[in-house]
Amino acid sequence: MEQFLDKLAEILETGELKEDSRLESFPAWDSLGVLSTIALIESQYRVNFTAPDFAEIKTVDELWKLVQARRAG
């Protein structure tokens, strides 16, 4: 998860990102940020997402758990 946090922090343009960080609290969590996150997840974890998949995700941890669940399924 550490690598995921680091890459997501780059997308969100922040130096520090924690599991309980709320995605909407970052100004860079906009449509471009969502698309960049989708590209990260697809390239690094081979999991497909669409923008609507993010509608219910509030925290970094929720996003990570969804990535892991889709990788397992």
Protein backbone atom coordinates (compact mmCIF):
# COMPACT_ATOMS: atom_id res chain seq x y z
CA MET A 1 0.00 0.00 0.00
CA GLU A 2 2.94 2.35 0.59
CA GLN A 3 3.67 2.60 -3.14
CA PHE A 4 -0.02 3.28 -3.81
CA LEU A 5 0.00 6.08 -1.22
CA ASP A 6 3.10 7.63 -2.76
CA LYS A 7 1.72 7.61 -6.30
CA LEU A 8 -1.68 8.88 -5.20
CA ALA A 9 0.02 11.67 -3.23
CA GLU A 10 1.72 12.74 -6.47
CA ILE A 11 -1.63 12.86 -8.26
CA LEU A 12 -3.20 14.82 -5.41
CA GLU A 13 -0.19 17.13 -5.27
CA THR A 14 0.41 16.62 -1.58
CA GLY A 15 3.46 15.67 0.42
CA GLU A 16 1.63 13.51 2.91
CA LEU A 17 -1.22 11.11 2.43
CA LYS A 18 -2.70 8.83 5.07
CA GLU A 19 -5.16 6.00 4.82
CA ASP A 20 -7.89 8.04 6.48
CA SER A 21 -7.32 11.09 4.27
CA ARG A 22 -10.55 12.26 2.67
CA LEU A 23 -10.11 12.47 -1.08
CA GLU A 24 -12.45 15.43 -1.48
CA SER A 25 -10.27 17.49 0.87
CA PHE A 26 -7.60 17.80 -1.84
CA PRO A 27 -8.04 20.51 -4.48
CA ALA A 28 -6.45 18.18 -7.06
CA TRP A 29 -9.24 15.61 -6.52
CA ASP A 30 -11.15 16.86 -9.53
CA SER A 31 -12.03 15.23 -12.84
CA LEU A 32 -8.39 15.18 -13.93
CA GLY A 33 -7.34 13.73 -10.57
CA VAL A 34 -9.94 10.98 -10.87
CA LEU A 35 -8.82 10.15 -14.41
CA SER A 36 -5.18 10.09 -13.31
CA THR A 37 -6.09 7.77 -10.46
CA ILE A 38 -7.95 5.47 -12.85
CA ALA A 39 -4.87 5.35 -15.09
CA LEU A 40 -2.64 4.60 -12.08
CA ILE A 41 -4.87 1.76 -10.90
CA GLU A 42 -5.17 0.26 -14.37
CA SER A 43 -1.45 0.39 -15.09
CA GLN A 44 -0.14 -0.67 -11.70
CA TYR A 45 -2.82 -3.10 -10.50
CA ARG A 46 -4.54 -4.22 -13.72
CA VAL A 47 -7.96 -3.27 -12.38
CA ASN A 48 -10.50 -1.39 -14.48
CA PHE A 49 -12.41 1.52 -13.01
CA THR A 50 -14.67 4.22 -14.39
CA ALA A 51 -15.34 7.64 -12.93
CA PRO A 52 -18.75 6.60 -11.49
CA ASP A 53 -16.97 3.89 -9.45
CA PHE A 54 -15.58 6.72 -7.33
CA ALA A 55 -18.96 8.18 -6.38
CA GLU A 56 -19.17 6.42 -3.02
CA ILE A 57 -15.46 6.42 -2.18
CA LYS A 58 -14.58 8.95 0.49
CA THR A 59 -11.16 8.00 1.83
CA VAL A 60 -7.87 6.67 0.52
CA ASP A 61 -8.43 3.47 2.51
CA GLU A 62 -11.82 2.88 0.88
CA LEU A 63 -10.20 3.30 -2.53
CA TRP A 64 -7.39 0.88 -1.65
CA LYS A 65 -9.87 -1.72 -0.35
CA LEU A 66 -11.90 -1.48 -3.55
CA VAL A 67 -8.76 -1.96 -5.65
CA GLN A 68 -7.84 -5.03 -3.59
CA ALA A 69 -11.36 -6.46 -3.78
CA ARG A 70 -11.42 -6.11 -7.58
CA ARG A 71 -7.97 -7.65 -7.89
CA ALA A 72 -9.14 -10.67 -5.89
CA GLY A 73 -12.40 -11.00 -7.80
